[in-house]
Amino acid sequence: MRIALLFAFVVLSATAQTNPLLSANRLEAPSNAPAETAPSQKERDVLMAQRIEKIRADCIQNRRHICGKILKVLPDGLVIDSGYTNLMRSPLDHSWLAPGTATAVRPDNVIEGNQPDADCVGLVFLTDIPKKRGIKPELYDYVNLQAFPAGQYTYTSVGDLQRTVRKFSTKLPKAIEWKLQEGEK
């Protein structure tokens, strides 16, 4: 009798277990598993520094030489028709801005390369242009400088026609800042 009572006690206690056995097909963690902890501030700082460094390397790898004609002067930058590679000749290469009276021709069938410092081709928006007292870019002047990719820019071309073009900044920290903000959106 005692053995039967002891056997019944063991069987009943085994069936009363609250932790179910895990199935091989079960995807979620068991309820008694430790909760995943949020990353510490130091870990978040390290991740952010790695992200910034990756964006910085990408901006440097994709920097372009912008040499072209100013088609539109906007409060926050310039719309440039880039690809006028003969602006890199002397004496035009001594300044980032050349007057519209300079002779510049875009070569036929020019193609933009895919390496750092490649000559940019096509319509682009250029921001963070150098500021010098007495030098102000005007319509149809030429620019000749290095810039870093900073996303895209949409502007009103003619009437209410909207155009989206590649955006470049002459300042690497600004390009990184814009790319960070773009990634957060």
N, C-alpha and C. Protein backbone atom coordinates (compact mmCIF):
# COMPACT_ATOMS: atom_id res chain seq x y z
N MET A 1 0.81 -1.18 0.00
CA MET A 1 0.00 0.00 0.00
C MET A 1 0.86 1.26 0.00
N ARG A 2 1.89 1.22 0.83
CA ARG A 2 2.77 2.37 0.87
C ARG A 2 3.44 2.60 -0.48
N ILE A 3 3.80 1.55 -1.12
CA ILE A 3 4.47 1.68 -2.42
C ILE A 3 3.50 2.27 -3.43
N ALA A 4 2.26 1.87 -3.40
CA ALA A 4 1.26 2.42 -4.31
C ALA A 4 1.03 3.88 -4.02
N LEU A 5 1.00 4.26 -2.74
CA LEU A 5 0.81 5.66 -2.36
C LEU A 5 2.02 6.50 -2.78
N LEU A 6 3.22 5.98 -2.57
CA LEU A 6 4.43 6.69 -2.97
C LEU A 6 4.47 6.85 -4.50
N PHE A 7 4.09 5.79 -5.23
CA PHE A 7 4.06 5.85 -6.68
C PHE A 7 3.07 6.90 -7.18
N ALA A 8 1.87 6.95 -6.58
CA ALA A 8 0.86 7.94 -6.96
C ALA A 8 1.36 9.35 -6.68
N PHE A 9 2.05 9.56 -5.56
CA PHE A 9 2.59 10.88 -5.21
C PHE A 9 3.62 11.33 -6.25
N VAL A 10 4.51 10.45 -6.67
CA VAL A 10 5.54 10.78 -7.65
C VAL A 10 4.90 11.10 -9.00
N VAL A 11 3.92 10.30 -9.42
CA VAL A 11 3.27 10.53 -10.71
C VAL A 11 2.51 11.85 -10.70
N LEU A 12 1.77 12.12 -9.62
CA LEU A 12 1.01 13.38 -9.54
C LEU A 12 1.93 14.59 -9.49
N SER A 13 3.04 14.51 -8.79
CA SER A 13 3.95 15.65 -8.72
C SER A 13 4.63 15.89 -10.07
N ALA A 14 4.89 14.82 -10.81
CA ALA A 14 5.52 14.98 -12.12
C ALA A 14 4.56 15.64 -13.10
N THR A 15 3.27 15.34 -13.02
CA THR A 15 2.32 15.95 -13.94
C THR A 15 1.96 17.37 -13.54
N ALA A 16 2.29 17.75 -12.33
CA ALA A 16 1.96 19.09 -11.85
C ALA A 16 3.07 20.09 -12.15
N GLN A 17 4.09 19.67 -12.87
CA GLN A 17 5.17 20.59 -13.21
C GLN A 17 4.62 21.78 -14.00
N THR A 18 5.10 22.99 -13.71
CA THR A 18 4.62 24.19 -14.41
C THR A 18 5.46 24.51 -15.63
N ASN A 19 6.65 23.98 -15.74
CA ASN A 19 7.51 24.27 -16.89
C ASN A 19 7.29 23.21 -17.95
N PRO A 20 6.64 23.54 -19.05
CA PRO A 20 6.41 22.54 -20.09
C PRO A 20 7.72 22.18 -20.79
N LEU A 21 7.75 21.01 -21.37
CA LEU A 21 8.91 20.62 -22.14
C LEU A 21 8.93 21.42 -23.44
N LEU A 22 10.14 21.78 -23.87
CA LEU A 22 10.27 22.56 -25.11
C LEU A 22 10.17 21.65 -26.31
N SER A 23 9.42 22.08 -27.28
CA SER A 23 9.27 21.34 -28.52
C SER A 23 10.41 21.73 -29.45
N ALA A 24 10.82 20.85 -30.31
CA ALA A 24 11.88 21.15 -31.27
C ALA A 24 11.43 22.20 -32.27
N ASN A 25 10.11 22.35 -32.48
CA ASN A 25 9.58 23.31 -33.45
C ASN A 25 9.26 24.66 -32.82
N ARG A 26 9.45 24.79 -31.55
CA ARG A 26 9.07 26.02 -30.86
C ARG A 26 10.09 27.12 -31.14
N LEU A 27 9.63 28.31 -31.55
CA LEU A 27 10.53 29.39 -31.94
C LEU A 27 10.79 30.38 -30.81
N GLU A 28 9.82 30.60 -29.95
CA GLU A 28 10.00 31.60 -28.91
C GLU A 28 10.79 31.03 -27.75
N ALA A 29 11.41 31.93 -26.98
CA ALA A 29 12.20 31.52 -25.82
C ALA A 29 11.27 31.06 -24.71
N PRO A 30 11.71 30.15 -23.86
CA PRO A 30 10.87 29.74 -22.74
C PRO A 30 10.62 30.92 -21.81
N SER A 31 9.50 30.86 -21.09
CA SER A 31 9.11 31.99 -20.27
C SER A 31 10.06 32.26 -19.13
N ASN A 32 10.85 31.28 -18.74
CA ASN A 32 11.77 31.51 -17.63
C ASN A 32 13.17 31.90 -18.11
N ALA A 33 13.35 32.13 -19.43
CA ALA A 33 14.63 32.56 -19.96
C ALA A 33 14.87 34.02 -19.58
N PRO A 34 16.14 34.40 -19.39
CA PRO A 34 16.41 35.80 -19.02
C PRO A 34 16.05 36.74 -20.15
N ALA A 35 15.48 37.88 -19.81
CA ALA A 35 15.10 38.88 -20.81
C ALA A 35 16.35 39.49 -21.42
N GLU A 36 16.26 39.83 -22.72
CA GLU A 36 17.39 40.45 -23.41
C GLU A 36 17.55 41.87 -22.88
N THR A 37 18.75 42.24 -22.53
CA THR A 37 18.96 43.56 -21.96
C THR A 37 19.26 44.56 -23.05
N ALA A 38 18.87 45.79 -22.82
CA ALA A 38 19.12 46.87 -23.77
C ALA A 38 20.60 47.20 -23.75
N PRO A 39 21.16 47.66 -24.90
CA PRO A 39 22.58 48.01 -24.91
C PRO A 39 22.86 49.18 -23.98
N SER A 40 24.03 49.15 -23.37
CA SER A 40 24.42 50.23 -22.46
C SER A 40 24.75 51.49 -23.27
N GLN A 41 24.91 52.60 -22.58
CA GLN A 41 25.24 53.87 -23.25
C GLN A 41 26.57 53.75 -23.97
N LYS A 42 27.53 53.05 -23.36
CA LYS A 42 28.83 52.89 -23.99
C LYS A 42 28.70 52.08 -25.29
N GLU A 43 27.89 51.02 -25.26
CA GLU A 43 27.68 50.21 -26.46
C GLU A 43 26.99 51.02 -27.55
N ARG A 44 26.02 51.85 -27.17
CA ARG A 44 25.33 52.71 -28.15
C ARG A 44 26.30 53.71 -28.75
N ASP A 45 27.19 54.26 -27.91
CA ASP A 45 28.19 55.22 -28.40
C ASP A 45 29.14 54.56 -29.40
N VAL A 46 29.54 53.33 -29.08
CA VAL A 46 30.44 52.60 -29.99
C VAL A 46 29.74 52.33 -31.31
N LEU A 47 28.47 51.89 -31.25
CA LEU A 47 27.71 51.62 -32.48
C LEU A 47 27.55 52.89 -33.31
N MET A 48 27.27 54.03 -32.65
CA MET A 48 27.13 55.30 -33.38
C MET A 48 28.46 55.71 -34.01
N ALA A 49 29.56 55.54 -33.28
CA ALA A 49 30.87 55.89 -33.83
C ALA A 49 31.19 55.01 -35.05
N GLN A 50 30.84 53.73 -34.99
CA GLN A 50 31.07 52.84 -36.13
C GLN A 50 30.21 53.26 -37.32
N ARG A 51 28.98 53.65 -37.04
CA ARG A 51 28.08 54.09 -38.12
C ARG A 51 28.60 55.37 -38.77
N ILE A 52 29.05 56.32 -37.95
CA ILE A 52 29.60 57.58 -38.48
C ILE A 52 30.85 57.30 -39.31
N GLU A 53 31.70 56.42 -38.84
CA GLU A 53 32.92 56.11 -39.57
C GLU A 53 32.61 55.44 -40.91
N LYS A 54 31.59 54.59 -40.95
CA LYS A 54 31.18 53.95 -42.20
C LYS A 54 30.64 55.00 -43.19
N ILE A 55 29.83 55.95 -42.69
CA ILE A 55 29.31 57.01 -43.55
C ILE A 55 30.45 57.89 -44.05
N ARG A 56 31.40 58.20 -43.17
CA ARG A 56 32.55 59.04 -43.54
C ARG A 56 33.36 58.36 -44.65
N ALA A 57 33.63 57.08 -44.47
CA ALA A 57 34.39 56.33 -45.49
C ALA A 57 33.64 56.30 -46.81
N ASP A 58 32.32 56.13 -46.75
CA ASP A 58 31.49 56.13 -47.96
C ASP A 58 31.53 57.49 -48.66
N CYS A 59 31.45 58.56 -47.88
CA CYS A 59 31.51 59.91 -48.47
C CYS A 59 32.86 60.16 -49.14
N ILE A 60 33.93 59.74 -48.50
CA ILE A 60 35.26 59.93 -49.08
C ILE A 60 35.41 59.08 -50.34
N GLN A 61 34.93 57.86 -50.29
CA GLN A 61 35.02 56.96 -51.45
C GLN A 61 34.22 57.49 -52.64
N ASN A 62 33.13 58.20 -52.38
CA ASN A 62 32.26 58.69 -53.45
C ASN A 62 32.39 60.19 -53.71
N ARG A 63 33.46 60.82 -53.24
CA ARG A 63 33.64 62.25 -53.49
C ARG A 63 33.83 62.47 -54.99
N ARG A 64 33.40 63.63 -55.44
CA ARG A 64 33.45 63.94 -56.86
C ARG A 64 34.07 65.31 -57.07
N HIS A 65 34.58 65.49 -58.28
CA HIS A 65 35.09 66.80 -58.69
C HIS A 65 33.96 67.47 -59.46
N ILE A 66 33.43 68.54 -58.88
CA ILE A 66 32.32 69.27 -59.51
C ILE A 66 32.93 70.41 -60.32
N CYS A 67 32.80 70.33 -61.62
CA CYS A 67 33.28 71.41 -62.49
C CYS A 67 32.18 71.65 -63.53
N GLY A 68 31.50 72.78 -63.35
CA GLY A 68 30.38 73.02 -64.25
C GLY A 68 29.81 74.40 -64.15
N LYS A 69 28.72 74.59 -64.87
CA LYS A 69 28.06 75.89 -65.01
C LYS A 69 26.93 76.01 -63.99
N ILE A 70 26.82 77.18 -63.38
CA ILE A 70 25.74 77.45 -62.42
C ILE A 70 24.47 77.74 -63.21
N LEU A 71 23.45 76.91 -62.99
CA LEU A 71 22.17 77.09 -63.68
C LEU A 71 21.13 77.78 -62.82
N LYS A 72 21.29 77.68 -61.50
CA LYS A 72 20.32 78.28 -60.60
C LYS A 72 21.02 78.60 -59.28
N VAL A 73 20.81 79.82 -58.80
CA VAL A 73 21.35 80.23 -57.50
C VAL A 73 20.19 80.23 -56.52
N LEU A 74 20.28 79.36 -55.51
CA LEU A 74 19.24 79.24 -54.49
C LEU A 74 19.81 79.69 -53.14
N PRO A 75 18.95 80.03 -52.18
CA PRO A 75 19.45 80.50 -50.88
C PRO A 75 20.36 79.49 -50.17
N ASP A 76 20.12 78.19 -50.37
CA ASP A 76 20.91 77.19 -49.66
C ASP A 76 21.93 76.48 -50.54
N GLY A 77 22.14 76.93 -51.78
CA GLY A 77 23.14 76.32 -52.63
C GLY A 77 22.96 76.65 -54.10
N LEU A 78 23.66 75.88 -54.93
CA LEU A 78 23.69 76.13 -56.37
C LEU A 78 23.30 74.87 -57.14
N VAL A 79 22.53 75.04 -58.20
CA VAL A 79 22.26 73.94 -59.13
C VAL A 79 23.31 74.07 -60.23
N ILE A 80 24.08 72.98 -60.41
CA ILE A 80 25.21 73.00 -61.33
C ILE A 80 25.00 71.97 -62.44
N ASP A 81 25.31 72.37 -63.68
CA ASP A 81 25.40 71.42 -64.78
C ASP A 81 26.86 71.02 -64.85
N SER A 82 27.18 69.89 -64.26
CA SER A 82 28.57 69.48 -64.10
C SER A 82 29.03 68.62 -65.27
N GLY A 83 30.35 68.61 -65.48
CA GLY A 83 30.93 67.82 -66.54
C GLY A 83 31.84 68.63 -67.46
N TYR A 84 32.04 69.90 -67.14
CA TYR A 84 32.91 70.77 -67.93
C TYR A 84 34.35 70.56 -67.47
N THR A 85 34.96 69.45 -67.90
CA THR A 85 36.27 69.05 -67.38
C THR A 85 37.40 69.99 -67.81
N ASN A 86 37.22 70.77 -68.86
CA ASN A 86 38.31 71.66 -69.26
C ASN A 86 38.42 72.89 -68.36
N LEU A 87 37.56 72.97 -67.32
CA LEU A 87 37.71 74.03 -66.31
C LEU A 87 38.89 73.75 -65.39
N MET A 88 39.46 72.56 -65.48
CA MET A 88 40.59 72.21 -64.62
C MET A 88 41.93 72.65 -65.21
N ARG A 89 41.88 73.50 -66.22
CA ARG A 89 43.12 73.99 -66.83
C ARG A 89 43.54 75.30 -66.16
N SER A 90 44.80 75.62 -66.31
CA SER A 90 45.33 76.87 -65.77
C SER A 90 44.88 78.01 -66.69
N PRO A 91 44.54 79.13 -66.24
CA PRO A 91 44.52 79.70 -64.90
C PRO A 91 43.17 79.50 -64.19
N LEU A 92 42.22 78.78 -64.82
CA LEU A 92 40.90 78.63 -64.21
C LEU A 92 40.92 77.74 -62.97
N ASP A 93 41.95 76.92 -62.81
CA ASP A 93 42.00 76.01 -61.68
C ASP A 93 42.55 76.65 -60.40
N HIS A 94 42.84 77.95 -60.42
CA HIS A 94 43.38 78.63 -59.24
C HIS A 94 42.29 79.08 -58.27
N SER A 95 41.05 79.07 -58.71
CA SER A 95 39.94 79.50 -57.86
C SER A 95 38.78 78.53 -58.05
N TRP A 96 37.95 78.43 -57.04
CA TRP A 96 36.78 77.55 -57.14
C TRP A 96 35.70 78.15 -58.01
N LEU A 97 35.77 79.46 -58.28
CA LEU A 97 34.75 80.16 -59.06
C LEU A 97 35.40 80.86 -60.25
N ALA A 98 34.88 80.62 -61.43
CA ALA A 98 35.36 81.27 -62.65
C ALA A 98 34.21 82.06 -63.25
N PRO A 99 34.50 83.21 -63.85
CA PRO A 99 33.42 84.03 -64.42
C PRO A 99 32.75 83.34 -65.60
N GLY A 100 31.52 83.72 -65.85
CA GLY A 100 30.76 83.15 -66.96
C GLY A 100 31.34 83.50 -68.32
N THR A 101 32.24 84.48 -68.37
CA THR A 101 32.88 84.86 -69.63
C THR A 101 34.00 83.90 -70.02
N ALA A 102 34.40 83.01 -69.11
CA ALA A 102 35.45 82.04 -69.42
C ALA A 102 34.93 81.06 -70.48
N THR A 103 35.85 80.54 -71.27
CA THR A 103 35.48 79.57 -72.28
C THR A 103 35.56 78.18 -71.69
N ALA A 104 34.43 77.51 -71.66
CA ALA A 104 34.38 76.14 -71.15
C ALA A 104 33.43 75.32 -72.01
N VAL A 105 33.85 74.13 -72.35
CA VAL A 105 33.06 73.25 -73.21
C VAL A 105 32.95 71.89 -72.54
N ARG A 106 31.76 71.33 -72.60
CA ARG A 106 31.57 69.97 -72.07
C ARG A 106 31.92 69.00 -73.19
N PRO A 107 32.80 68.03 -72.90
CA PRO A 107 33.16 67.06 -73.93
C PRO A 107 31.96 66.16 -74.29
N ASP A 108 31.94 65.69 -75.52
CA ASP A 108 30.89 64.77 -75.96
C ASP A 108 31.13 63.40 -75.32
N ASN A 109 30.06 62.71 -75.01
CA ASN A 109 30.11 61.34 -74.50
C ASN A 109 30.95 61.18 -73.24
N VAL A 110 30.94 62.16 -72.37
CA VAL A 110 31.68 62.05 -71.12
C VAL A 110 30.88 61.17 -70.16
N ILE A 111 31.57 60.29 -69.45
CA ILE A 111 30.95 59.37 -68.51
C ILE A 111 31.60 59.55 -67.14
N GLU A 112 30.77 59.56 -66.12
CA GLU A 112 31.26 59.72 -64.75
C GLU A 112 31.88 58.41 -64.27
N GLY A 113 33.09 58.50 -63.73
CA GLY A 113 33.76 57.33 -63.18
C GLY A 113 33.18 56.93 -61.83
N ASN A 114 33.61 55.78 -61.32
CA ASN A 114 33.12 55.29 -60.04
C ASN A 114 34.28 55.12 -59.06
N GLN A 115 35.15 56.11 -58.99
CA GLN A 115 36.26 56.10 -58.05
C GLN A 115 36.35 57.47 -57.40
N PRO A 116 37.07 57.58 -56.27
CA PRO A 116 37.19 58.89 -55.62
C PRO A 116 37.78 59.93 -56.57
N ASP A 117 37.30 61.15 -56.45
CA ASP A 117 37.75 62.29 -57.27
C ASP A 117 37.41 62.17 -58.74
N ALA A 118 36.46 61.32 -59.08
CA ALA A 118 36.01 61.24 -60.48
C ALA A 118 35.29 62.55 -60.82
N ASP A 119 35.32 62.91 -62.08
CA ASP A 119 34.62 64.11 -62.53
C ASP A 119 33.12 63.83 -62.54
N CYS A 120 32.37 64.67 -61.85
CA CYS A 120 30.92 64.53 -61.78
C CYS A 120 30.30 64.98 -63.10
N VAL A 121 29.27 64.28 -63.52
CA VAL A 121 28.60 64.60 -64.78
C VAL A 121 27.10 64.71 -64.52
N GLY A 122 26.49 65.76 -65.04
CA GLY A 122 25.05 65.92 -64.94
C GLY A 122 24.65 67.00 -63.96
N LEU A 123 23.34 67.14 -63.77
CA LEU A 123 22.81 68.14 -62.84
C LEU A 123 23.03 67.70 -61.40
N VAL A 124 23.55 68.61 -60.59
CA VAL A 124 23.75 68.36 -59.17
C VAL A 124 23.41 69.62 -58.39
N PHE A 125 23.15 69.43 -57.10
CA PHE A 125 22.95 70.56 -56.19
C PHE A 125 24.17 70.62 -55.30
N LEU A 126 24.79 71.79 -55.22
CA LEU A 126 26.01 71.99 -54.44
C LEU A 126 25.72 72.95 -53.30
N THR A 127 26.03 72.51 -52.09
CA THR A 127 25.79 73.34 -50.92
C THR A 127 27.09 73.54 -50.15
N ASP A 128 27.05 74.42 -49.17
CA ASP A 128 28.23 74.76 -48.35
C ASP A 128 29.38 75.26 -49.20
N ILE A 129 29.05 76.13 -50.14
CA ILE A 129 30.09 76.68 -51.01
C ILE A 129 30.99 77.60 -50.20
N PRO A 130 32.25 77.76 -50.62
CA PRO A 130 33.16 78.64 -49.89
C PRO A 130 32.64 80.08 -49.84
N LYS A 131 32.84 80.71 -48.72
CA LYS A 131 32.40 82.10 -48.56
C LYS A 131 33.65 82.99 -48.48
N LYS A 132 33.74 83.90 -49.42
CA LYS A 132 34.83 84.88 -49.42
C LYS A 132 34.23 86.25 -49.66
N ARG A 133 34.73 87.20 -48.95
CA ARG A 133 34.25 88.56 -49.09
C ARG A 133 34.47 89.06 -50.51
N GLY A 134 33.41 89.56 -51.11
CA GLY A 134 33.50 90.12 -52.45
C GLY A 134 33.30 89.10 -53.57
N ILE A 135 33.30 87.81 -53.24
CA ILE A 135 33.09 86.79 -54.26
C ILE A 135 31.73 86.17 -54.06
N LYS A 136 30.85 86.40 -55.04
CA LYS A 136 29.51 85.85 -54.96
C LYS A 136 29.20 85.16 -56.29
N PRO A 137 28.83 83.88 -56.24
CA PRO A 137 28.52 83.18 -57.49
C PRO A 137 27.26 83.74 -58.14
N GLU A 138 27.30 83.86 -59.45
CA GLU A 138 26.16 84.36 -60.20
C GLU A 138 25.77 83.35 -61.27
N LEU A 139 24.58 83.55 -61.80
CA LEU A 139 24.06 82.67 -62.83
C LEU A 139 25.05 82.59 -64.00
N TYR A 140 25.32 81.39 -64.47
CA TYR A 140 26.19 81.06 -65.60
C TYR A 140 27.68 81.22 -65.32
N ASP A 141 28.06 81.50 -64.08
CA ASP A 141 29.46 81.40 -63.70
C ASP A 141 29.81 79.92 -63.64
N TYR A 142 31.10 79.61 -63.48
CA TYR A 142 31.55 78.22 -63.41
C TYR A 142 32.14 77.93 -62.03
N VAL A 143 31.95 76.70 -61.55
CA VAL A 143 32.57 76.26 -60.30
C VAL A 143 33.52 75.11 -60.62
N ASN A 144 34.53 74.98 -59.76
CA ASN A 144 35.54 73.95 -59.94
C ASN A 144 36.05 73.57 -58.55
N LEU A 145 35.47 72.51 -57.96
CA LEU A 145 35.88 72.11 -56.61
C LEU A 145 35.50 70.67 -56.30
N GLN A 146 35.99 70.19 -55.18
CA GLN A 146 35.71 68.83 -54.72
C GLN A 146 34.53 68.85 -53.76
N ALA A 147 33.67 67.83 -53.85
CA ALA A 147 32.50 67.78 -52.98
C ALA A 147 32.17 66.33 -52.60
N PHE A 148 31.40 66.21 -51.52
CA PHE A 148 31.05 64.90 -50.97
C PHE A 148 29.55 64.66 -51.11
N PRO A 149 29.13 63.44 -51.41
CA PRO A 149 27.70 63.16 -51.58
C PRO A 149 26.93 63.37 -50.28
N ALA A 150 25.75 63.98 -50.39
CA ALA A 150 24.94 64.28 -49.20
C ALA A 150 23.46 63.99 -49.46
N GLY A 151 23.17 62.98 -50.24
CA GLY A 151 21.77 62.61 -50.47
C GLY A 151 21.22 63.20 -51.75
N GLN A 152 19.95 63.59 -51.68
CA GLN A 152 19.27 64.16 -52.84
C GLN A 152 18.64 65.49 -52.47
N TYR A 153 18.35 66.28 -53.50
CA TYR A 153 17.76 67.60 -53.30
C TYR A 153 16.68 67.80 -54.36
N THR A 154 15.53 68.29 -53.92
CA THR A 154 14.43 68.59 -54.85
C THR A 154 14.24 70.10 -54.89
N TYR A 155 14.18 70.63 -56.09
CA TYR A 155 13.98 72.08 -56.28
C TYR A 155 12.97 72.30 -57.38
N THR A 156 12.46 73.54 -57.45
CA THR A 156 11.53 73.92 -58.50
C THR A 156 12.34 74.44 -59.68
N SER A 157 12.23 73.78 -60.82
CA SER A 157 13.02 74.12 -61.98
C SER A 157 12.39 75.28 -62.76
N VAL A 158 11.27 75.04 -63.41
CA VAL A 158 10.57 76.05 -64.19
C VAL A 158 9.10 75.97 -63.81
N GLY A 159 8.50 77.11 -63.51
CA GLY A 159 7.09 77.11 -63.10
C GLY A 159 6.93 76.32 -61.81
N ASP A 160 6.18 75.24 -61.89
CA ASP A 160 6.03 74.39 -60.71
C ASP A 160 6.61 72.99 -60.95
N LEU A 161 7.51 72.86 -61.92
CA LEU A 161 8.16 71.59 -62.23
C LEU A 161 9.22 71.28 -61.17
N GLN A 162 9.04 70.14 -60.50
CA GLN A 162 9.98 69.71 -59.45
C GLN A 162 11.03 68.78 -60.04
N ARG A 163 12.30 69.01 -59.68
CA ARG A 163 13.40 68.14 -60.13
C ARG A 163 14.15 67.66 -58.90
N THR A 164 14.53 66.41 -58.91
CA THR A 164 15.34 65.85 -57.84
C THR A 164 16.71 65.49 -58.42
N VAL A 165 17.75 66.00 -57.79
CA VAL A 165 19.11 65.79 -58.26
C VAL A 165 19.98 65.33 -57.09
N ARG A 166 21.17 64.85 -57.41
CA ARG A 166 22.12 64.47 -56.36
C ARG A 166 22.58 65.72 -55.63
N LYS A 167 22.73 65.59 -54.33
CA LYS A 167 23.17 66.71 -53.49
C LYS A 167 24.61 66.45 -53.04
N PHE A 168 25.44 67.48 -53.14
CA PHE A 168 26.83 67.41 -52.71
C PHE A 168 27.14 68.56 -51.77
N SER A 169 28.04 68.32 -50.84
CA SER A 169 28.51 69.35 -49.92
C SER A 169 30.02 69.47 -50.05
N THR A 170 30.52 70.68 -49.97
CA THR A 170 31.96 70.87 -50.03
C THR A 170 32.62 70.56 -48.69
N LYS A 171 31.82 70.35 -47.66
CA LYS A 171 32.34 70.08 -46.31
C LYS A 171 31.97 68.66 -45.89
N LEU A 172 32.98 67.86 -45.60
CA LEU A 172 32.76 66.47 -45.22
C LEU A 172 31.89 66.33 -43.97
N PRO A 173 32.11 67.09 -42.89
CA PRO A 173 31.25 66.94 -41.71
C PRO A 173 29.77 67.21 -42.00
N LYS A 174 29.47 68.16 -42.88
CA LYS A 174 28.08 68.44 -43.24
C LYS A 174 27.48 67.28 -44.03
N ALA A 175 28.25 66.70 -44.93
CA ALA A 175 27.76 65.55 -45.70
C ALA A 175 27.46 64.38 -44.77
N ILE A 176 28.31 64.14 -43.79
CA ILE A 176 28.08 63.07 -42.82
C ILE A 176 26.83 63.35 -42.01
N GLU A 177 26.67 64.58 -41.58
CA GLU A 177 25.49 64.97 -40.79
C GLU A 177 24.20 64.73 -41.58
N TRP A 178 24.17 65.13 -42.85
CA TRP A 178 22.97 64.94 -43.67
C TRP A 178 22.68 63.46 -43.89
N LYS A 179 23.73 62.67 -44.12
CA LYS A 179 23.52 61.23 -44.33
C LYS A 179 23.00 60.57 -43.06
N LEU A 180 23.46 61.01 -41.90
CA LEU A 180 22.94 60.49 -40.63
C LEU A 180 21.46 60.82 -40.48
N GLN A 181 21.10 62.07 -40.76
CA GLN A 181 19.71 62.48 -40.65
C GLN A 181 18.84 61.72 -41.65
N GLU A 182 19.36 61.50 -42.85
CA GLU A 182 18.62 60.77 -43.88
C GLU A 182 18.39 59.33 -43.43
N GLY A 183 19.39 58.73 -42.78
CA GLY A 183 19.26 57.36 -42.31
C GLY A 183 18.25 57.23 -41.17
N GLU A 184 18.10 58.27 -40.37
CA GLU A 184 17.15 58.24 -39.27
C GLU A 184 15.70 58.35 -39.74
N LYS A 185 15.51 58.96 -40.91
CA LYS A 185 14.16 59.08 -41.47
C LYS A 185 13.74 57.76 -41.99
